[in-house]
Amino acid sequence: MSKVNILVVEDESIVSKDIQQSLKKLGYNVVGAASTGEVAIQMAEEKQPDLILMDIMLKGAMSGIDAATEIKEKLNIPVIYLTAYADESTLSKAKITEPFGYILKPFKEIDLHTSIEMALFKHKKETELRKERDLLYSLVENKESSDILFVKANSKLVKLNTKDIYFVEALKDYVVINTANARYTIHSTMKDIQAKLSPTDFIRVHRSFIVRIDKIASIEHNNIVIEGDKKVIPIGGSYKDELAQKLKMV
């Protein structure tokens, strides 16, 4: 596993060197050290660190909060604030930048390590959620994806072609999407799932079942037999007429 790259932003030279030594001792890689907000922004763009330790009260025109604000606008890099000031006014200003943590100086190495690991974990999860959200937004906007569903399985999104779906079954507060080789249990309703499926290809045959029409092998005694003996599904009385209209019977 590659080392985590960290940028240190601290205007007190001795304190900065102490932090760098502690980071190296903890197994992190220090990609650089800045003493001003302007240099911090420049180094963040050049080095692309995994995390930035940012002193709030920097000397010069730009504070650590100002630097973190600009970095947040330009780069997706988590920032942890270093501060000897815990007054409400300073913290209120810092909160606006949504940092991934605060470390009060002086601090112990265990506190530094814990804060960094928690920040990296939180940032990773937020990035995953953002990617998932952006993907879902793109799918909504992409009309050509009507024959594709993305279902959440084992904490990831799995692309599912609707032509591979045999039937969908209601299971209390969940629905189960059944394919030839897999079952996907998702938190949804039959109404929502039906709205996402093409009415040309799918039909609801029971309050608890939606089937893909071309997967129907036969109909026997008010039951649908799914292709390949996958399932015998009952036909609800209120769904018989619509099913008859959909099927090409001779």
C-alpha atoms as a PDB file:
ATOM      1  CA  MET A   1       0.000   0.000   0.000  1.00  0.00           C
ATOM      2  CA  SER A   2       1.384   3.419  -0.977  1.00  0.00           C
ATOM      3  CA  LYS A   3       2.007   5.989   1.712  1.00  0.00           C
ATOM      4  CA  VAL A   4      -0.440   8.807   2.340  1.00  0.00           C
ATOM      5  CA  ASN A   5       0.904  12.117   1.048  1.00  0.00           C
ATOM      6  CA  ILE A   6       0.443  15.092   3.378  1.00  0.00           C
ATOM      7  CA  LEU A   7       1.105  18.808   2.916  1.00  0.00           C
ATOM      8  CA  VAL A   8       1.959  20.737   6.087  1.00  0.00           C
ATOM      9  CA  VAL A   9       0.964  24.413   6.298  1.00  0.00           C
ATOM     10  CA  GLU A  10       2.466  26.045   9.402  1.00  0.00           C
ATOM     11  CA  ASP A  11       4.207  29.414   9.715  1.00  0.00           C
ATOM     12  CA  GLU A  12       6.252  28.562  12.825  1.00  0.00           C
ATOM     13  CA  SER A  13       9.364  26.804  11.495  1.00  0.00           C
ATOM     14  CA  ILE A  14      10.064  24.761  14.630  1.00  0.00           C
ATOM     15  CA  VAL A  15       6.446  23.631  14.941  1.00  0.00           C
ATOM     16  CA  SER A  16       6.363  22.722  11.241  1.00  0.00           C
ATOM     17  CA  LYS A  17       9.487  20.559  11.566  1.00  0.00           C
ATOM     18  CA  ASP A  18       8.061  18.828  14.653  1.00  0.00           C
ATOM     19  CA  ILE A  19       4.855  18.026  12.765  1.00  0.00           C
ATOM     20  CA  GLN A  20       6.809  16.691   9.784  1.00  0.00           C
ATOM     21  CA  GLN A  21       8.908  14.443  12.033  1.00  0.00           C
ATOM     22  CA  SER A  22       5.791  13.119  13.748  1.00  0.00           C
ATOM     23  CA  LEU A  23       4.145  12.402  10.397  1.00  0.00           C
ATOM     24  CA  LYS A  24       7.191  10.511   9.121  1.00  0.00           C
ATOM     25  CA  LYS A  25       7.381   8.530  12.357  1.00  0.00           C
ATOM     26  CA  LEU A  26       3.709   7.582  11.889  1.00  0.00           C
ATOM     27  CA  GLY A  27       4.437   6.318   8.377  1.00  0.00           C
ATOM     28  CA  TYR A  28       3.109   9.223   6.314  1.00  0.00           C
ATOM     29  CA  ASN A  29       4.895  10.922   3.436  1.00  0.00           C
ATOM     30  CA  VAL A  30       5.370  14.696   3.706  1.00  0.00           C
ATOM     31  CA  VAL A  31       5.197  16.114   0.169  1.00  0.00           C
ATOM     32  CA  GLY A  32       5.986  19.651   1.246  1.00  0.00           C
ATOM     33  CA  ALA A  33       5.676  22.407   3.820  1.00  0.00           C
ATOM     34  CA  ALA A  34       4.275  25.908   3.331  1.00  0.00           C
ATOM     35  CA  SER A  35       4.344  28.882   5.669  1.00  0.00           C
ATOM     36  CA  THR A  36       1.778  31.097   3.902  1.00  0.00           C
ATOM     37  CA  GLY A  37      -1.676  30.608   2.479  1.00  0.00           C
ATOM     38  CA  GLU A  38      -0.579  31.638  -1.010  1.00  0.00           C
ATOM     39  CA  VAL A  39       2.220  29.060  -1.097  1.00  0.00           C
ATOM     40  CA  ALA A  40      -0.123  26.432   0.377  1.00  0.00           C
ATOM     41  CA  ILE A  41      -2.541  26.859  -2.529  1.00  0.00           C
ATOM     42  CA  GLN A  42       0.275  26.678  -5.072  1.00  0.00           C
ATOM     43  CA  MET A  43       1.770  23.531  -3.495  1.00  0.00           C
ATOM     44  CA  ALA A  44      -1.651  21.891  -3.192  1.00  0.00           C
ATOM     45  CA  GLU A  45      -2.173  22.346  -6.930  1.00  0.00           C
ATOM     46  CA  GLU A  46       1.318  21.083  -7.791  1.00  0.00           C
ATOM     47  CA  LYS A  47       1.678  18.206  -5.308  1.00  0.00           C
ATOM     48  CA  GLN A  48      -1.969  17.034  -5.158  1.00  0.00           C
ATOM     49  CA  PRO A  49      -1.590  15.658  -1.602  1.00  0.00           C
ATOM     50  CA  ASP A  50      -4.036  13.221  -0.048  1.00  0.00           C
ATOM     51  CA  LEU A  51      -4.550  15.549   2.917  1.00  0.00           C
ATOM     52  CA  ILE A  52      -3.521  19.006   4.160  1.00  0.00           C
ATOM     53  CA  LEU A  53      -2.701  19.960   7.744  1.00  0.00           C
ATOM     54  CA  MET A  54      -3.508  23.676   7.837  1.00  0.00           C
ATOM     55  CA  ASP A  55      -2.662  26.114  10.608  1.00  0.00           C
ATOM     56  CA  ILE A  56      -5.615  28.496  10.990  1.00  0.00           C
ATOM     57  CA  MET A  57      -3.616  31.571  12.046  1.00  0.00           C
ATOM     58  CA  LEU A  58      -0.998  32.136   9.347  1.00  0.00           C
ATOM     59  CA  LYS A  59       1.141  35.236   9.048  1.00  0.00           C
ATOM     60  CA  GLY A  60       0.497  37.429   6.019  1.00  0.00           C
ATOM     61  CA  ALA A  61      -2.556  38.569   4.104  1.00  0.00           C
ATOM     62  CA  MET A  62      -4.145  35.129   3.770  1.00  0.00           C
ATOM     63  CA  SER A  63      -5.246  33.089   6.783  1.00  0.00           C
ATOM     64  CA  GLY A  64      -5.417  29.323   6.865  1.00  0.00           C
ATOM     65  CA  ILE A  65      -9.206  29.598   6.572  1.00  0.00           C
ATOM     66  CA  ASP A  66      -8.865  31.726   3.433  1.00  0.00           C
ATOM     67  CA  ALA A  67      -6.405  29.241   1.927  1.00  0.00           C
ATOM     68  CA  ALA A  68      -8.632  26.268   2.774  1.00  0.00           C
ATOM     69  CA  THR A  69     -11.617  28.023   1.172  1.00  0.00           C
ATOM     70  CA  GLU A  70      -9.755  28.500  -2.102  1.00  0.00           C
ATOM     71  CA  ILE A  71      -8.381  24.959  -2.039  1.00  0.00           C
ATOM     72  CA  LYS A  72     -11.884  23.589  -1.504  1.00  0.00           C
ATOM     73  CA  GLU A  73     -13.160  25.527  -4.528  1.00  0.00           C
ATOM     74  CA  LYS A  74     -10.376  24.234  -6.783  1.00  0.00           C
ATOM     75  CA  LEU A  75      -9.376  20.822  -5.439  1.00  0.00           C
ATOM     76  CA  ASN A  76     -10.943  17.785  -3.800  1.00  0.00           C
ATOM     77  CA  ILE A  77      -8.432  17.579  -0.923  1.00  0.00           C
ATOM     78  CA  PRO A  78      -9.465  17.123   2.736  1.00  0.00           C
ATOM     79  CA  VAL A  79      -8.162  19.725   5.191  1.00  0.00           C
ATOM     80  CA  ILE A  80      -7.532  19.323   8.919  1.00  0.00           C
ATOM     81  CA  TYR A  81      -7.025  22.541  10.863  1.00  0.00           C
ATOM     82  CA  LEU A  82      -4.187  22.985  13.319  1.00  0.00           C
ATOM     83  CA  THR A  83      -4.900  25.650  15.885  1.00  0.00           C
ATOM     84  CA  ALA A  84      -3.939  26.899  19.304  1.00  0.00           C
ATOM     85  CA  TYR A  85      -7.137  28.958  19.306  1.00  0.00           C
ATOM     86  CA  ALA A  86     -10.412  27.296  20.172  1.00  0.00           C
ATOM     87  CA  ASP A  87     -12.505  30.441  20.628  1.00  0.00           C
ATOM     88  CA  GLU A  88     -16.020  30.413  19.219  1.00  0.00           C
ATOM     89  CA  SER A  89     -15.404  33.165  16.674  1.00  0.00           C
ATOM     90  CA  THR A  90     -12.462  31.352  15.048  1.00  0.00           C
ATOM     91  CA  LEU A  91     -14.279  28.008  15.024  1.00  0.00           C
ATOM     92  CA  SER A  92     -17.384  29.587  13.473  1.00  0.00           C
ATOM     93  CA  LYS A  93     -15.311  30.958  10.595  1.00  0.00           C
ATOM     94  CA  ALA A  94     -13.527  27.635  10.185  1.00  0.00           C
ATOM     95  CA  LYS A  95     -16.765  25.619  10.127  1.00  0.00           C
ATOM     96  CA  ILE A  96     -17.895  27.367   6.947  1.00  0.00           C
ATOM     97  CA  THR A  97     -15.085  25.654   5.012  1.00  0.00           C
ATOM     98  CA  GLU A  98     -16.299  22.225   6.227  1.00  0.00           C
ATOM     99  CA  PRO A  99     -12.916  20.877   7.374  1.00  0.00           C
ATOM    100  CA  PHE A 100     -12.360  17.188   8.029  1.00  0.00           C
ATOM    101  CA  GLY A 101     -11.142  17.808  11.567  1.00  0.00           C
ATOM    102  CA  TYR A 102      -9.433  20.057  14.114  1.00  0.00           C
ATOM    103  CA  ILE A 103      -6.271  19.387  16.072  1.00  0.00           C
ATOM    104  CA  LEU A 104      -5.525  21.632  19.026  1.00  0.00           C
ATOM    105  CA  LYS A 105      -1.869  22.510  19.597  1.00  0.00           C
ATOM    106  CA  PRO A 106       0.056  21.177  21.373  1.00  0.00           C
ATOM    107  CA  PHE A 107      -1.044  17.672  20.420  1.00  0.00           C
ATOM    108  CA  LYS A 108       0.066  14.073  20.900  1.00  0.00           C
ATOM    109  CA  GLU A 109       1.070  11.821  18.018  1.00  0.00           C
ATOM    110  CA  ILE A 110      -1.864   9.508  18.732  1.00  0.00           C
ATOM    111  CA  ASP A 111      -4.251  12.452  18.278  1.00  0.00           C
ATOM    112  CA  LEU A 112      -2.561  13.374  15.000  1.00  0.00           C
ATOM    113  CA  HIS A 113      -2.758   9.812  13.711  1.00  0.00           C
ATOM    114  CA  THR A 114      -6.408   9.375  14.730  1.00  0.00           C
ATOM    115  CA  SER A 115      -7.498  12.673  13.176  1.00  0.00           C
ATOM    116  CA  ILE A 116      -5.730  11.920   9.887  1.00  0.00           C
ATOM    117  CA  GLU A 117      -7.132   8.397   9.565  1.00  0.00           C
ATOM    118  CA  MET A 118     -10.666   9.547  10.393  1.00  0.00           C
ATOM    119  CA  ALA A 119     -10.394  12.387   7.865  1.00  0.00           C
ATOM    120  CA  LEU A 120      -9.128  10.078   5.111  1.00  0.00           C
ATOM    121  CA  PHE A 121     -11.901   7.575   5.775  1.00  0.00           C
ATOM    122  CA  LYS A 122     -14.585  10.271   5.779  1.00  0.00           C
ATOM    123  CA  HIS A 123     -13.231  11.812   2.585  1.00  0.00           C
ATOM    124  CA  LYS A 124     -13.141   8.429   0.839  1.00  0.00           C
ATOM    125  CA  LYS A 125     -16.775   7.736   1.732  1.00  0.00           C
ATOM    126  CA  GLU A 126     -17.900  11.208   0.689  1.00  0.00           C
ATOM    127  CA  THR A 127     -16.101  10.820  -2.639  1.00  0.00           C
ATOM    128  CA  GLU A 128     -17.782   7.454  -3.235  1.00  0.00           C
ATOM    129  CA  LEU A 129     -21.197   8.922  -2.440  1.00  0.00           C
ATOM    130  CA  ARG A 130     -20.547  11.893  -4.723  1.00  0.00           C
ATOM    131  CA  LYS A 131     -19.587   9.603  -7.603  1.00  0.00           C
ATOM    132  CA  GLU A 132     -22.685   7.487  -7.000  1.00  0.00           C
ATOM    133  CA  ARG A 133     -24.894  10.585  -6.927  1.00  0.00           C
ATOM    134  CA  ASP A 134     -23.323  11.990 -10.094  1.00  0.00           C
ATOM    135  CA  LEU A 135     -23.778   8.660 -11.850  1.00  0.00           C
ATOM    136  CA  LEU A 136     -27.444   8.528 -10.886  1.00  0.00           C
ATOM    137  CA  TYR A 137     -27.944  12.105 -12.081  1.00  0.00           C
ATOM    138  CA  SER A 138     -26.298  11.257 -15.413  1.00  0.00           C
ATOM    139  CA  LEU A 139     -28.539   8.216 -15.797  1.00  0.00           C
ATOM    140  CA  VAL A 140     -31.647  10.301 -15.190  1.00  0.00           C
ATOM    141  CA  GLU A 141     -30.536  12.789 -17.830  1.00  0.00           C
ATOM    142  CA  ASN A 142     -29.523  10.117 -20.347  1.00  0.00           C
ATOM    143  CA  LYS A 143     -32.656   9.025 -22.179  1.00  0.00           C
ATOM    144  CA  GLU A 144     -30.762   6.280 -23.991  1.00  0.00           C
ATOM    145  CA  SER A 145     -30.346   4.406 -20.708  1.00  0.00           C
ATOM    146  CA  SER A 146     -34.013   3.329 -20.506  1.00  0.00           C
ATOM    147  CA  ASP A 147     -33.016  -0.319 -20.979  1.00  0.00           C
ATOM    148  CA  ILE A 148     -30.439  -0.105 -18.192  1.00  0.00           C
ATOM    149  CA  LEU A 149     -30.942  -0.156 -14.431  1.00  0.00           C
ATOM    150  CA  PHE A 150     -28.292   0.387 -11.774  1.00  0.00           C
ATOM    151  CA  VAL A 151     -28.981  -1.591  -8.618  1.00  0.00           C
ATOM    152  CA  LYS A 152     -27.052  -1.350  -5.376  1.00  0.00           C
ATOM    153  CA  ALA A 153     -25.409  -4.620  -4.385  1.00  0.00           C
ATOM    154  CA  ASN A 154     -22.666  -5.108  -1.782  1.00  0.00           C
ATOM    155  CA  SER A 155     -22.127  -1.339  -1.412  1.00  0.00           C
ATOM    156  CA  LYS A 156     -21.614  -0.785  -5.127  1.00  0.00           C
ATOM    157  CA  LEU A 157     -23.777   0.004  -8.154  1.00  0.00           C
ATOM    158  CA  VAL A 158     -24.211  -2.871 -10.594  1.00  0.00           C
ATOM    159  CA  LYS A 159     -25.331  -2.220 -14.169  1.00  0.00           C
ATOM    160  CA  LEU A 160     -28.265  -4.428 -15.091  1.00  0.00           C
ATOM    161  CA  ASN A 161     -29.730  -4.723 -18.589  1.00  0.00           C
ATOM    162  CA  THR A 162     -33.516  -5.012 -18.307  1.00  0.00           C
ATOM    163  CA  LYS A 163     -33.597  -7.737 -20.957  1.00  0.00           C
ATOM    164  CA  ASP A 164     -31.822  -9.976 -18.429  1.00  0.00           C
ATOM    165  CA  ILE A 165     -34.590  -9.563 -15.839  1.00  0.00           C
ATOM    166  CA  TYR A 166     -36.970 -12.529 -15.554  1.00  0.00           C
ATOM    167  CA  PHE A 167     -39.300 -11.212 -12.891  1.00  0.00           C
ATOM    168  CA  VAL A 168     -39.553  -8.845  -9.931  1.00  0.00           C
ATOM    169  CA  GLU A 169     -41.062  -9.943  -6.639  1.00  0.00           C
ATOM    170  CA  ALA A 170     -42.313  -7.853  -3.699  1.00  0.00           C
ATOM    171  CA  LEU A 171     -40.937  -8.794  -0.293  1.00  0.00           C
ATOM    172  CA  LYS A 172     -42.339  -6.611   2.512  1.00  0.00           C
ATOM    173  CA  ASP A 173     -40.491  -3.258   2.262  1.00  0.00           C
ATOM    174  CA  TYR A 174     -38.171  -4.573  -0.437  1.00  0.00           C
ATOM    175  CA  VAL A 175     -38.332  -5.860  -3.985  1.00  0.00           C
ATOM    176  CA  VAL A 176     -36.229  -8.668  -5.415  1.00  0.00           C
ATOM    177  CA  ILE A 177     -35.067  -8.395  -9.019  1.00  0.00           C
ATOM    178  CA  ASN A 178     -34.457 -11.865 -10.445  1.00  0.00           C
ATOM    179  CA  THR A 179     -32.165 -12.631 -13.385  1.00  0.00           C
ATOM    180  CA  ALA A 180     -30.916 -15.953 -14.720  1.00  0.00           C
ATOM    181  CA  ASN A 181     -27.907 -15.966 -12.404  1.00  0.00           C
ATOM    182  CA  ALA A 182     -28.549 -13.465  -9.621  1.00  0.00           C
ATOM    183  CA  ARG A 183     -31.044 -11.908  -7.239  1.00  0.00           C
ATOM    184  CA  TYR A 184     -30.849  -8.253  -6.198  1.00  0.00           C
ATOM    185  CA  THR A 185     -32.755  -7.156  -3.107  1.00  0.00           C
ATOM    186  CA  ILE A 186     -33.344  -3.415  -2.985  1.00  0.00           C
ATOM    187  CA  HIS A 187     -35.309  -1.043  -0.766  1.00  0.00           C
ATOM    188  CA  SER A 188     -38.090   0.119  -3.084  1.00  0.00           C
ATOM    189  CA  THR A 189     -41.744  -0.398  -3.997  1.00  0.00           C
ATOM    190  CA  MET A 190     -43.340  -2.295  -6.847  1.00  0.00           C
ATOM    191  CA  LYS A 191     -44.849   0.975  -8.077  1.00  0.00           C
ATOM    192  CA  ASP A 192     -41.436   2.647  -8.320  1.00  0.00           C
ATOM    193  CA  ILE A 193     -39.853  -0.354 -10.027  1.00  0.00           C
ATOM    194  CA  GLN A 194     -42.708  -0.660 -12.502  1.00  0.00           C
ATOM    195  CA  ALA A 195     -42.302   3.011 -13.426  1.00  0.00           C
ATOM    196  CA  LYS A 196     -38.641   2.345 -14.311  1.00  0.00           C
ATOM    197  CA  LEU A 197     -39.420  -0.641 -16.537  1.00  0.00           C
ATOM    198  CA  SER A 198     -40.691  -0.451 -20.097  1.00  0.00           C
ATOM    199  CA  PRO A 199     -44.458  -1.177 -20.273  1.00  0.00           C
ATOM    200  CA  THR A 200     -43.809  -2.766 -23.664  1.00  0.00           C
ATOM    201  CA  ASP A 201     -41.542  -5.409 -22.147  1.00  0.00           C
ATOM    202  CA  PHE A 202     -42.891  -5.832 -18.609  1.00  0.00           C
ATOM    203  CA  ILE A 203     -46.295  -6.361 -17.096  1.00  0.00           C
ATOM    204  CA  ARG A 204     -47.580  -6.614 -13.564  1.00  0.00           C
ATOM    205  CA  VAL A 205     -49.482  -9.883 -13.184  1.00  0.00           C
ATOM    206  CA  HIS A 206     -50.022  -9.874  -9.435  1.00  0.00           C
ATOM    207  CA  ARG A 207     -49.703  -7.304  -6.654  1.00  0.00           C
ATOM    208  CA  SER A 208     -46.441  -9.057  -5.732  1.00  0.00           C
ATOM    209  CA  PHE A 209     -45.054  -9.845  -9.189  1.00  0.00           C
ATOM    210  CA  ILE A 210     -43.884  -8.094 -12.352  1.00  0.00           C
ATOM    211  CA  VAL A 211     -42.711 -10.325 -15.209  1.00  0.00           C
ATOM    212  CA  ARG A 212     -40.838  -9.731 -18.447  1.00  0.00           C
ATOM    213  CA  ILE A 213     -43.222 -10.761 -21.202  1.00  0.00           C
ATOM    214  CA  ASP A 214     -40.649 -12.529 -23.372  1.00  0.00           C
ATOM    215  CA  LYS A 215     -39.600 -14.661 -20.376  1.00  0.00           C
ATOM    216  CA  ILE A 216     -43.060 -16.239 -20.083  1.00  0.00           C
ATOM    217  CA  ALA A 217     -42.814 -19.894 -21.156  1.00  0.00           C
ATOM    218  CA  SER A 218     -46.448 -20.883 -20.589  1.00  0.00           C
ATOM    219  CA  ILE A 219     -49.620 -20.148 -18.661  1.00  0.00           C
ATOM    220  CA  GLU A 220     -51.193 -23.029 -16.748  1.00  0.00           C
ATOM    221  CA  HIS A 221     -54.206 -22.867 -14.434  1.00  0.00           C
ATOM    222  CA  ASN A 222     -53.924 -19.111 -13.736  1.00  0.00           C
ATOM    223  CA  ASN A 223     -50.203 -19.434 -13.190  1.00  0.00           C
ATOM    224  CA  ILE A 224     -47.337 -18.146 -15.302  1.00  0.00           C
ATOM    225  CA  VAL A 225     -44.376 -20.457 -15.803  1.00  0.00           C
ATOM    226  CA  ILE A 226     -41.187 -18.504 -16.326  1.00  0.00           C
ATOM    227  CA  GLU A 227     -38.765 -19.584 -19.049  1.00  0.00           C
ATOM    228  CA  GLY A 228     -36.363 -22.318 -17.946  1.00  0.00           C
ATOM    229  CA  ASP A 229     -38.650 -23.315 -15.037  1.00  0.00           C
ATOM    230  CA  LYS A 230     -37.341 -20.363 -13.078  1.00  0.00           C
ATOM    231  CA  LYS A 231     -40.564 -19.691 -11.243  1.00  0.00           C
ATOM    232  CA  VAL A 232     -44.309 -20.371 -11.165  1.00  0.00           C
ATOM    233  CA  ILE A 233     -46.078 -17.054 -10.619  1.00  0.00           C
ATOM    234  CA  PRO A 234     -49.784 -16.635  -9.808  1.00  0.00           C
ATOM    235  CA  ILE A 235     -51.939 -14.321 -11.936  1.00  0.00           C
ATOM    236  CA  GLY A 236     -54.009 -11.919  -9.860  1.00  0.00           C
ATOM    237  CA  GLY A 237     -57.683 -11.598 -10.819  1.00  0.00           C
ATOM    238  CA  SER A 238     -57.482  -7.858 -11.462  1.00  0.00           C
ATOM    239  CA  TYR A 239     -54.502  -8.298 -13.809  1.00  0.00           C
ATOM    240  CA  LYS A 240     -55.934 -11.006 -16.138  1.00  0.00           C
ATOM    241  CA  ASP A 241     -57.499  -8.693 -18.714  1.00  0.00           C
ATOM    242  CA  GLU A 242     -54.387  -6.565 -19.182  1.00  0.00           C
ATOM    243  CA  LEU A 243     -52.248  -9.700 -19.505  1.00  0.00           C
ATOM    244  CA  ALA A 244     -54.581 -11.104 -22.147  1.00  0.00           C
ATOM    245  CA  GLN A 245     -54.320  -7.869 -24.136  1.00  0.00           C
ATOM    246  CA  LYS A 246     -50.548  -7.884 -23.957  1.00  0.00           C
ATOM    247  CA  LEU A 247     -50.073 -11.476 -25.076  1.00  0.00           C
ATOM    248  CA  LYS A 248     -50.426 -12.400 -28.724  1.00  0.00           C
ATOM    249  CA  MET A 249     -52.870 -15.285 -28.465  1.00  0.00           C
ATOM    250  CA  VAL A 250     -54.180 -17.352 -31.372  1.00  0.00           C
END
